[in-house]
Amino acid sequence: MISALVLSSCADGASGGAGSDPGEDDAASAAPAESPQAAEPSVEPSDRETHEAGGPSPRLAVTYDGGVSVLDGATLEVLSQDEAEGFVRVSPAGDGRHFFLTEGESFRLIDGGTWGEPHGEHDHFYTTDPHVSEITVDGPAPGHVVSYEGIGTLFFDGSGEIHSYDLSELDVEAQLETEVVETEEAHHGVAAVFPDGGRFETLGNEDERNGARVLDADGEEIARSEECPGVHGEAAGPEGMLAVGCEDGVLTFDGTEFTKIQADEEYARIGNLFPAEDSPIFLGDYNLDEDGEEPMTQVALVDTASGEISTVDIGAAYNFRSLARGPEGEALVLAEDGVLHVVDPETGEHTDELEIMEEWTEPEEWQEPRPAIRVVDDIAYITEPDAQTLHMVDLGSLEIINSAELDFTPNEIAAVDGRTAEGADEHAAEDGAAGGEEEEDHEGHDHDDEAHEDHDHEDHDH
């Protein structure tokens, strides 16, 4: 992948898988701050130049107090910085190219400027300058962003509205039209819409959340479970399985029925789930303190094949932005001892570790910056807010291969990999959003590999 990254960087002439307390994000706002650099005159998206790349070219979106930046995933060069008001969050849109910025009462579409196009038995890859668009999807308390089998979903906690869109229709030059349905009651929740028009959605109200249900394309309920208190943290597993975390285990849906995987403890909150391709095992956080006063030190390995949950003690505290999966499905935990811990999900054995930074302590407010990890293929991107630094770790050799000092304090980080996504290539022939100079330039997209990486709410990960 390193070779591909370097090739794609050189080819780009532009130099460029869930309230107010941790785990219950209420999209609280912080006071706006000045952007670390003066905003440059805006450029029309169609005026951007397109550059052919030697392979997929990952891009990173990083938020900070007062704005968002997009960085090159190979060089860690800052390609754009844009101001934003209040506390902002960022999530992959699901197509391998775009992001959604959660800002105030809207989701704002960002073009990461990287994509692939099918060409016979292979793909061609392209890059252009990132672009923060004026295209928004508006509603009260925007929350989770999910993509599933070619369909993206935006969930508004304040209304219970579910807005869905085809991944192929994301384009910063065209208004985004969404299909809108509502949950039974408004709550901090999540949903996944199926290609046939059916959907998976959580159950709850402003006081409690207790499960999930599935509806067909006509809106008729076909499955329901209320056995998941505190439901949060949707992720997709093998063969279309969907899973959500509970305060006493995990609830799964296999396409036909719900199954509850019970935790051993009476209270064992799994608020975020992280899948790996072709693996029946989800990695999850594991909170044993209902009052939230004690730090988490154990992680959950949820085996959906055996219906069992095992735990692994990391030996150090971690938080909701600490977890990821590696290229072989390994469990990655970035703990407060400054070390990246590697765990075999099959055995629970610690297999390796790498010191990334000095010891740190989780801030009291979940909106405050703390180290975070995101993985694209065999590269882990790790933020170090105290040093205003972004690290790039080769997970194959387990070594830091690049670090970049930033002129802002990084908070949230999201990644897109620039590959063509299933369900998005049909739009390719029509696309002109990148301002392509060649006849075949068009927008291909990739399905976010972190599968509904629940948008990090202090207990979240969309």
Protein backbone atom coordinates (compact mmCIF):
# COMPACT_ATOMS: atom_id res chain seq x y z
CA MET A 1 0.00 0.00 0.00
CA ILE A 2 2.91 2.35 0.75
CA SER A 3 4.04 2.15 -2.88
CA ALA A 4 0.53 2.91 -4.07
CA LEU A 5 0.27 5.84 -1.69
CA VAL A 6 3.55 7.31 -2.84
CA LEU A 7 2.64 6.83 -6.48
CA SER A 8 -0.72 8.46 -6.02
CA SER A 9 0.79 11.36 -4.15
CA CYS A 10 3.39 11.97 -6.84
CA ALA A 11 0.76 11.70 -9.56
CA ASP A 12 -1.37 14.35 -7.91
CA GLY A 13 0.01 17.56 -9.28
CA ALA A 14 -2.26 19.51 -6.96
CA SER A 15 -0.09 18.38 -4.01
CA GLY A 16 -2.75 17.16 -2.73
CA GLY A 17 -17.92 -1.79 11.64
CA ALA A 18 -22.82 5.02 19.11
CA GLY A 19 -26.73 13.00 25.29
CA SER A 20 -24.64 15.18 26.96
CA ASP A 21 -22.38 12.84 28.87
CA PRO A 22 -19.81 10.53 27.32
CA GLY A 23 -21.62 8.07 25.13
CA GLU A 24 -24.73 10.16 24.93
CA ASP A 25 -23.66 12.90 22.54
CA ASP A 26 -26.12 15.75 22.21
CA ALA A 27 -24.18 17.59 19.52
CA ALA A 28 -23.38 20.32 22.03
CA SER A 29 -21.73 23.36 20.54
CA ALA A 30 -18.54 25.05 21.55
CA ALA A 31 -17.63 28.67 20.92
CA PRO A 32 -16.22 29.23 17.44
CA ALA A 33 -12.53 29.93 17.14
CA GLU A 34 -10.41 31.48 14.46
CA SER A 35 -9.13 29.15 11.78
CA PRO A 36 -5.38 28.56 12.07
CA GLN A 37 -4.88 30.07 8.67
CA ALA A 38 -6.73 32.66 6.67
CA ALA A 39 -9.46 31.31 4.44
CA GLU A 40 -8.63 31.42 0.74
CA PRO A 41 -11.09 32.54 -1.89
CA SER A 42 -13.60 29.79 -2.62
CA VAL A 43 -13.24 27.86 -5.87
CA GLU A 44 -16.14 26.49 -7.85
CA PRO A 45 -16.00 22.68 -7.72
CA SER A 46 -16.13 22.45 -11.50
CA ASP A 47 -12.99 24.61 -11.78
CA ARG A 48 -10.80 22.11 -9.96
CA GLU A 49 -8.22 20.19 -11.97
CA THR A 50 -8.27 16.39 -12.04
CA HIS A 51 -5.07 14.37 -11.76
CA GLU A 52 -4.67 10.68 -12.52
CA ALA A 53 -3.09 8.74 -9.64
CA GLY A 54 -1.06 5.54 -9.58
CA GLY A 55 -3.46 3.88 -7.14
CA PRO A 56 -6.00 4.61 -4.43
CA SER A 57 -5.19 7.89 -2.68
CA PRO A 58 -6.57 8.08 0.86
CA ARG A 59 -7.66 11.42 2.24
CA LEU A 60 -8.18 12.36 5.88
CA ALA A 61 -10.65 14.87 7.34
CA VAL A 62 -9.59 16.27 10.71
CA THR A 63 -11.66 18.63 12.81
CA TYR A 64 -10.35 21.26 15.21
CA ASP A 65 -11.84 24.07 17.25
CA GLY A 66 -13.31 26.30 14.56
CA GLY A 67 -12.84 24.27 11.43
CA VAL A 68 -12.00 21.18 9.41
CA SER A 69 -8.97 20.23 7.32
CA VAL A 70 -8.47 17.64 4.62
CA LEU A 71 -5.05 15.99 4.42
CA ASP A 72 -3.25 13.78 1.91
CA GLY A 73 -3.14 10.23 3.29
CA ALA A 74 0.34 9.55 1.85
CA THR A 75 2.25 12.70 2.75
CA LEU A 76 0.05 14.03 5.57
CA GLU A 77 0.14 17.39 3.80
CA VAL A 78 -2.73 19.73 4.67
CA LEU A 79 -4.63 20.24 1.41
CA SER A 80 -7.42 22.49 2.69
CA GLN A 81 -8.59 24.29 5.82
CA ASP A 82 -12.10 25.63 6.19
CA GLU A 83 -13.77 27.47 9.02
CA ALA A 84 -16.83 26.02 10.75
CA GLU A 85 -18.88 27.35 13.61
CA GLY A 86 -19.15 25.65 16.97
CA PHE A 87 -18.23 22.07 17.78
CA VAL A 88 -18.08 20.04 14.57
CA ARG A 89 -17.86 16.32 13.86
CA VAL A 90 -16.89 14.45 10.73
CA SER A 91 -17.86 11.07 9.25
CA PRO A 92 -17.18 9.22 6.00
CA ALA A 93 -20.24 9.46 3.74
CA GLY A 94 -19.75 5.81 2.74
CA ASP A 95 -18.69 6.11 -0.90
CA GLY A 96 -14.92 6.25 -0.46
CA ARG A 97 -14.76 9.89 -1.55
CA HIS A 98 -17.00 12.17 0.49
CA PHE A 99 -17.40 13.14 4.13
CA PHE A 100 -20.26 14.64 6.09
CA LEU A 101 -19.44 17.46 8.51
CA THR A 102 -21.88 17.67 11.40
CA GLU A 103 -22.26 21.40 11.97
CA GLY A 104 -25.04 22.97 14.03
CA GLU A 105 -28.30 21.47 12.78
CA SER A 106 -27.06 20.05 9.52
CA PHE A 107 -24.86 17.54 7.77
CA ARG A 108 -22.60 19.36 5.28
CA LEU A 109 -21.14 17.46 2.30
CA ILE A 110 -17.35 17.55 1.80
CA ASP A 111 -15.60 16.23 -1.29
CA GLY A 112 -12.38 14.56 -0.16
CA GLY A 113 -11.11 14.78 -3.73
CA THR A 114 -10.17 11.13 -4.29
CA TRP A 115 -12.00 8.43 -6.27
CA GLY A 116 -11.74 5.44 -8.57
CA GLU A 117 -13.45 4.56 -11.82
CA PRO A 118 -14.05 1.04 -13.17
CA HIS A 119 -12.20 0.41 -16.41
CA GLY A 120 -12.62 -3.14 -17.67
CA GLU A 121 -11.11 -5.52 -15.13
CA HIS A 122 -9.32 -2.79 -13.23
CA ASP A 123 -9.90 0.71 -11.88
CA HIS A 124 -8.37 4.04 -12.71
CA PHE A 125 -7.79 6.45 -9.81
CA TYR A 126 -7.97 10.23 -9.67
CA THR A 127 -7.55 13.11 -7.27
CA THR A 128 -8.58 16.74 -7.15
CA ASP A 129 -8.62 19.49 -4.53
CA PRO A 130 -10.91 18.90 -1.55
CA HIS A 131 -14.05 21.02 -1.38
CA VAL A 132 -16.36 21.91 1.51
CA SER A 133 -19.68 22.42 -0.25
CA GLU A 134 -22.80 24.42 0.50
CA ILE A 135 -24.87 21.25 0.20
CA THR A 136 -26.49 20.37 3.51
CA VAL A 137 -29.13 18.04 4.88
CA ASP A 138 -30.83 19.92 7.71
CA GLY A 139 -32.60 18.81 10.87
CA PRO A 140 -32.44 18.93 14.67
CA ALA A 141 -29.52 17.23 16.45
CA PRO A 142 -27.79 15.44 13.56
CA GLY A 143 -26.14 12.24 14.76
CA HIS A 144 -25.03 9.01 13.11
CA VAL A 145 -23.96 8.50 9.50
CA VAL A 146 -24.22 4.92 8.20
CA SER A 147 -23.66 3.29 4.83
CA TYR A 148 -24.94 -0.19 4.00
CA GLU A 149 -24.97 -2.01 0.65
CA GLY A 150 -24.84 1.13 -1.48
CA ILE A 151 -27.25 3.22 0.60
CA GLY A 152 -26.22 5.98 3.01
CA THR A 153 -28.29 7.04 6.00
CA LEU A 154 -28.33 10.22 8.10
CA PHE A 155 -30.07 10.10 11.48
CA PHE A 156 -31.47 13.16 13.31
CA ASP A 157 -31.75 12.55 17.04
CA GLY A 158 -34.00 15.57 17.60
CA SER A 159 -36.78 14.39 15.28
CA GLY A 160 -36.16 10.70 14.69
CA GLU A 161 -35.95 11.43 10.96
CA ILE A 162 -33.97 9.04 8.79
CA HIS A 163 -32.66 10.53 5.55
CA SER A 164 -31.31 8.01 3.03
CA TYR A 165 -29.43 8.53 -0.22
CA ASP A 166 -27.84 6.44 -2.93
CA LEU A 167 -24.04 6.56 -2.61
CA SER A 168 -23.82 7.17 -6.35
CA GLU A 169 -25.69 10.46 -5.99
CA LEU A 170 -23.15 12.23 -3.79
CA ASP A 171 -21.85 15.18 -5.77
CA VAL A 172 -20.81 18.63 -4.56
CA GLU A 173 -22.22 20.16 -7.73
CA ALA A 174 -25.75 18.83 -7.35
CA GLN A 175 -28.31 19.15 -4.59
CA LEU A 176 -28.66 15.95 -2.62
CA GLU A 177 -32.16 14.51 -2.60
CA THR A 178 -32.96 12.14 0.26
CA GLU A 179 -35.79 9.77 1.10
CA VAL A 180 -37.24 10.58 4.53
CA VAL A 181 -38.94 8.33 7.08
CA GLU A 182 -39.30 8.61 10.86
CA THR A 183 -38.80 6.35 13.84
CA GLU A 184 -41.67 5.73 16.28
CA GLU A 185 -40.24 8.37 18.65
CA ALA A 186 -37.31 10.77 18.53
CA HIS A 187 -34.20 9.50 20.33
CA HIS A 188 -30.44 9.28 20.03
CA GLY A 189 -30.40 6.44 17.55
CA VAL A 190 -29.16 4.96 14.32
CA ALA A 191 -30.60 3.36 11.20
CA ALA A 192 -29.54 1.46 8.10
CA VAL A 193 -31.65 1.53 4.94
CA PHE A 194 -31.60 -1.47 2.62
CA PRO A 195 -31.42 -1.33 -1.20
CA ASP A 196 -35.00 -2.69 -1.45
CA GLY A 197 -36.33 0.19 0.69
CA GLY A 198 -36.60 -1.72 3.95
CA ARG A 199 -34.70 -0.53 7.00
CA PHE A 200 -33.17 -1.35 10.35
CA GLU A 201 -33.75 1.24 13.09
CA THR A 202 -33.26 1.57 16.82
CA LEU A 203 -36.11 1.89 19.33
CA GLY A 204 -36.36 4.50 22.06
CA ASN A 205 -37.45 7.92 23.20
CA GLU A 206 -35.83 10.90 24.89
CA ASP A 207 -35.68 9.00 28.20
CA GLU A 208 -34.45 5.56 27.19
CA ARG A 209 -33.42 3.34 24.30
CA ASN A 210 -34.23 -0.33 24.42
CA GLY A 211 -33.84 -2.20 21.15
CA ALA A 212 -34.31 -2.26 17.40
CA ARG A 213 -36.74 -3.29 14.70
CA VAL A 214 -36.72 -4.07 10.98
CA LEU A 215 -39.33 -2.89 8.47
CA ASP A 216 -39.91 -3.91 4.88
CA ALA A 217 -40.14 -1.56 1.90
CA ASP A 218 -43.85 -0.92 2.65
CA GLY A 219 -43.09 0.14 6.22
CA GLU A 220 -44.46 -3.05 7.74
CA GLU A 221 -42.58 -4.29 10.79
CA ILE A 222 -41.12 -7.76 10.21
CA ALA A 223 -38.85 -8.18 13.25
CA ARG A 224 -38.49 -6.47 16.61
CA SER A 225 -36.45 -6.85 19.79
CA GLU A 226 -36.66 -4.80 22.97
CA GLU A 227 -33.85 -6.72 24.65
CA CYS A 228 -31.12 -4.11 24.18
CA PRO A 229 -31.09 -1.43 26.89
CA GLY A 230 -29.06 1.64 25.94
CA VAL A 231 -28.82 0.51 22.32
CA HIS A 232 -25.89 2.16 20.51
CA GLY A 233 -23.06 1.53 18.06
CA GLU A 234 -24.30 -0.12 14.85
CA ALA A 235 -21.90 -2.13 12.69
CA ALA A 236 -22.20 -4.60 9.81
CA GLY A 237 -20.76 -8.10 9.84
CA PRO A 238 -20.45 -11.02 7.41
CA GLU A 239 -23.32 -11.85 5.04
CA GLY A 240 -25.16 -8.63 5.78
CA MET A 241 -25.44 -9.13 9.54
CA LEU A 242 -26.18 -6.00 11.56
CA ALA A 243 -25.23 -5.59 15.21
CA VAL A 244 -25.78 -2.98 17.91
CA GLY A 245 -24.29 -2.66 21.36
CA CYS A 246 -26.34 -2.82 24.57
CA GLU A 247 -25.75 -2.17 28.26
CA ASP A 248 -25.68 -5.93 28.81
CA GLY A 249 -24.29 -7.36 25.59
CA VAL A 250 -24.93 -7.18 21.84
CA LEU A 251 -28.03 -7.54 19.66
CA THR A 252 -27.64 -8.96 16.14
CA PHE A 253 -29.95 -9.25 13.13
CA ASP A 254 -29.11 -11.88 10.52
CA GLY A 255 -31.63 -10.85 7.89
CA THR A 256 -34.42 -12.88 9.42
CA GLU A 257 -34.41 -12.60 13.19
CA PHE A 258 -32.79 -10.90 16.16
CA THR A 259 -30.42 -12.70 18.52
CA LYS A 260 -29.20 -11.39 21.87
CA ILE A 261 -25.64 -12.18 22.91
CA GLN A 262 -25.64 -11.71 26.67
CA ALA A 263 -22.70 -10.34 28.65
CA ASP A 264 -21.67 -12.10 31.86
CA GLU A 265 -22.03 -8.98 33.99
CA GLU A 266 -25.38 -7.37 34.80
CA TYR A 267 -24.06 -4.05 33.49
CA ALA A 268 -21.49 -4.24 30.69
CA ARG A 269 -22.06 -1.48 28.20
CA ILE A 270 -20.80 -2.03 24.67
CA GLY A 271 -21.33 1.33 22.99
CA ASN A 272 -19.18 0.93 19.87
CA LEU A 273 -18.57 -2.07 17.63
CA PHE A 274 -15.75 -2.51 15.11
CA PRO A 275 -16.01 -5.20 12.42
CA ALA A 276 -13.38 -6.79 10.20
CA GLU A 277 -13.99 -8.18 6.74
CA ASP A 278 -15.13 -11.83 6.73
CA SER A 279 -14.77 -12.09 10.51
CA PRO A 280 -17.66 -13.10 12.79
CA ILE A 281 -15.93 -11.31 15.67
CA PHE A 282 -16.66 -7.70 16.56
CA LEU A 283 -14.32 -5.63 18.71
CA GLY A 284 -16.17 -3.51 21.23
CA ASP A 285 -15.53 -1.17 24.12
CA TYR A 286 -16.54 -2.58 27.51
CA ASN A 287 -17.74 -0.26 30.26
CA LEU A 288 -18.46 -1.87 33.62
CA ASP A 289 -19.17 1.34 35.53
CA GLU A 290 -22.75 2.54 35.15
CA ASP A 291 -21.81 5.93 36.64
CA GLY A 292 -19.00 6.39 34.14
CA GLU A 293 -16.46 7.30 36.81
CA GLU A 294 -14.04 4.42 36.30
CA PRO A 295 -12.03 4.19 33.08
CA MET A 296 -12.42 1.27 30.69
CA THR A 297 -9.47 -1.13 30.65
CA GLN A 298 -11.07 -4.22 29.11
CA VAL A 299 -12.24 -4.65 25.52
CA ALA A 300 -14.92 -7.04 24.29
CA LEU A 301 -14.48 -9.65 21.57
CA VAL A 302 -18.00 -10.53 20.43
CA ASP A 303 -18.10 -13.83 18.56
CA THR A 304 -21.38 -13.87 16.65
CA ALA A 305 -20.76 -17.42 15.44
CA SER A 306 -20.52 -18.92 18.93
CA GLY A 307 -22.77 -16.35 20.57
CA GLU A 308 -20.16 -15.57 23.21
CA ILE A 309 -18.45 -12.45 24.51
CA SER A 310 -14.91 -12.69 25.83
CA THR A 311 -12.91 -9.83 27.33
CA VAL A 312 -9.27 -8.82 27.23
CA ASP A 313 -7.62 -6.58 29.82
CA ILE A 314 -5.41 -4.05 28.06
CA GLY A 315 -3.63 -3.04 31.25
CA ALA A 316 -4.28 0.64 30.64
CA ALA A 317 -7.28 2.92 30.23
CA TYR A 318 -8.72 3.72 26.81
CA ASN A 319 -11.81 5.51 25.46
CA PHE A 320 -14.30 5.56 22.61
CA ARG A 321 -11.81 6.83 20.00
CA SER A 322 -9.19 4.23 20.90
CA LEU A 323 -10.36 1.20 18.91
CA ALA A 324 -9.86 -0.02 15.33
CA ARG A 325 -9.25 -3.19 13.31
CA GLY A 326 -6.12 -3.98 11.35
CA PRO A 327 -5.66 -5.48 7.86
CA GLU A 328 -5.74 -9.05 9.23
CA GLY A 329 -8.68 -8.34 11.51
CA GLU A 330 -6.43 -7.77 14.53
CA ALA A 331 -7.87 -5.70 17.37
CA LEU A 332 -6.08 -2.37 17.85
CA VAL A 333 -6.30 -0.40 21.08
CA LEU A 334 -4.63 2.99 21.50
CA ALA A 335 -4.44 3.30 25.28
CA GLU A 336 -3.59 6.07 27.72
CA ASP A 337 -0.15 4.57 28.31
CA GLY A 338 0.70 5.97 24.87
CA VAL A 339 0.98 2.48 23.38
CA LEU A 340 -0.81 0.91 20.43
CA HIS A 341 -1.77 -2.58 21.64
CA VAL A 342 -2.36 -5.40 19.13
CA VAL A 343 -4.66 -8.27 20.14
CA ASP A 344 -5.52 -11.50 18.32
CA PRO A 345 -9.35 -11.52 18.18
CA GLU A 346 -9.49 -15.32 17.98
CA THR A 347 -7.44 -16.01 21.11
CA GLY A 348 -7.48 -12.69 22.96
CA GLU A 349 -3.69 -12.85 23.11
CA HIS A 350 -1.60 -9.68 23.09
CA THR A 351 0.58 -10.16 20.02
CA ASP A 352 2.48 -6.88 19.71
CA GLU A 353 2.66 -3.25 20.78
CA LEU A 354 4.19 0.03 19.67
CA GLU A 355 4.82 3.14 21.74
CA ILE A 356 3.31 6.08 19.90
CA MET A 357 3.40 8.95 22.39
CA GLU A 358 3.81 9.84 26.04
CA GLU A 359 1.16 8.84 28.56
CA TRP A 360 -2.01 10.91 28.43
CA THR A 361 -5.29 11.24 30.31
CA GLU A 362 -8.76 11.34 28.85
CA PRO A 363 -10.29 14.83 29.24
CA GLU A 364 -13.44 15.19 31.33
CA GLU A 365 -15.61 16.48 28.46
CA TRP A 366 -16.09 14.11 25.53
CA GLN A 367 -15.96 16.99 23.06
CA GLU A 368 -12.37 17.81 24.06
CA PRO A 369 -9.55 16.48 21.85
CA ARG A 370 -7.97 13.16 22.75
CA PRO A 371 -5.85 10.76 20.68
CA ALA A 372 -7.81 8.93 18.00
CA ILE A 373 -7.07 6.15 15.50
CA ARG A 374 -8.37 5.41 12.00
CA VAL A 375 -7.18 2.63 9.69
CA VAL A 376 -7.03 2.44 5.91
CA ASP A 377 -5.73 -0.91 4.64
CA ASP A 378 -2.45 -1.50 6.51
CA ILE A 379 -1.94 2.09 7.60
CA ALA A 380 -3.12 3.48 10.94
CA TYR A 381 -3.51 7.24 11.31
CA ILE A 382 -3.16 8.37 14.92
CA THR A 383 -3.65 11.87 16.28
CA GLU A 384 -1.63 13.26 19.18
CA PRO A 385 -3.46 16.45 20.22
CA ASP A 386 -1.01 17.48 22.96
CA ALA A 387 1.78 17.67 20.40
CA GLN A 388 -0.46 18.86 17.52
CA THR A 389 0.84 15.89 15.55
CA LEU A 390 -0.54 13.22 13.23
CA HIS A 391 1.26 9.87 13.01
CA MET A 392 1.22 7.31 10.23
CA VAL A 393 1.86 3.71 11.33
CA ASP A 394 2.63 0.78 9.04
CA LEU A 395 0.68 -2.06 10.67
CA GLY A 396 2.66 -4.67 8.75
CA SER A 397 6.01 -3.73 10.27
CA LEU A 398 4.40 -1.95 13.23
CA GLU A 399 6.49 1.19 12.98
CA ILE A 400 5.84 4.90 12.62
CA ILE A 401 6.69 5.76 9.03
CA ASN A 402 5.66 9.41 8.99
CA SER A 403 4.63 12.14 11.43
CA ALA A 404 3.42 15.63 10.65
CA GLU A 405 3.18 18.65 12.91
CA LEU A 406 -0.07 20.55 12.47
CA ASP A 407 -0.84 24.22 13.10
CA PHE A 408 -4.06 23.22 14.88
CA THR A 409 -5.04 20.79 17.63
CA PRO A 410 -6.65 17.74 15.97
CA ASN A 411 -9.91 16.47 17.42
CA GLU A 412 -11.91 14.04 15.29
CA ILE A 413 -10.48 12.19 12.32
CA ALA A 414 -12.18 10.32 9.48
CA ALA A 415 -10.75 8.67 6.37
CA VAL A 416 -11.79 7.77 2.83
CA ASP A 417 -9.70 5.47 0.67
CA GLY A 418 -10.56 6.57 -2.87
CA ARG A 419 -11.73 3.18 -4.11
CA THR A 420 -14.82 2.55 -6.21
CA ALA A 421 -17.70 1.57 -3.94
CA GLU A 422 -20.32 -1.02 -4.66
CA GLY A 423 -23.47 0.73 -5.84
CA ALA A 424 -21.67 3.95 -6.71
CA ASP A 425 -20.14 3.12 -10.08
CA GLU A 426 -23.42 3.52 -11.97
CA HIS A 427 -23.13 7.26 -11.46
CA ALA A 428 -19.66 7.37 -12.95
CA ALA A 429 -20.59 8.08 -16.55
CA GLU A 430 -22.68 11.07 -15.54
CA ASP A 431 -20.30 12.71 -13.09
CA GLY A 432 -18.47 15.92 -13.73
CA ALA A 433 -18.02 17.06 -10.15
CA ALA A 434 -14.28 16.76 -10.22
CA GLY A 435 -13.94 19.05 -13.16
CA GLY A 436 -12.36 16.21 -15.09
CA GLU A 437 -10.35 17.05 -18.17
CA GLU A 438 -10.68 13.60 -19.72
CA GLU A 439 -13.75 12.05 -21.19
CA GLU A 440 -13.71 9.18 -18.70
CA ASP A 441 -13.32 11.34 -15.60
CA HIS A 442 -16.18 10.60 -13.28
CA GLU A 443 -16.98 9.93 -9.72
CA GLY A 444 -16.50 6.44 -8.40
CA HIS A 445 -16.92 5.72 -4.74
CA ASP A 446 -15.92 3.29 -2.09
CA HIS A 447 -17.93 1.84 0.75
CA ASP A 448 -16.40 2.95 4.01
CA ASP A 449 -14.29 0.09 5.29
CA GLU A 450 -15.00 0.99 8.88
CA ALA A 451 -18.50 -0.07 8.19
CA HIS A 452 -20.62 2.45 9.86
CA GLU A 453 -17.91 3.42 12.02
CA ASP A 454 -20.39 5.11 14.18
CA HIS A 455 -19.67 8.69 14.14
CA ASP A 456 -17.67 9.00 17.36
CA HIS A 457 -19.90 10.35 20.02
CA GLU A 458 -18.30 9.84 23.24
CA ASP A 459 -19.71 6.58 22.97
CA HIS A 460 -20.36 6.77 19.49
CA ASP A 461 -18.93 5.83 16.37
CA HIS A 462 -20.78 6.36 13.19
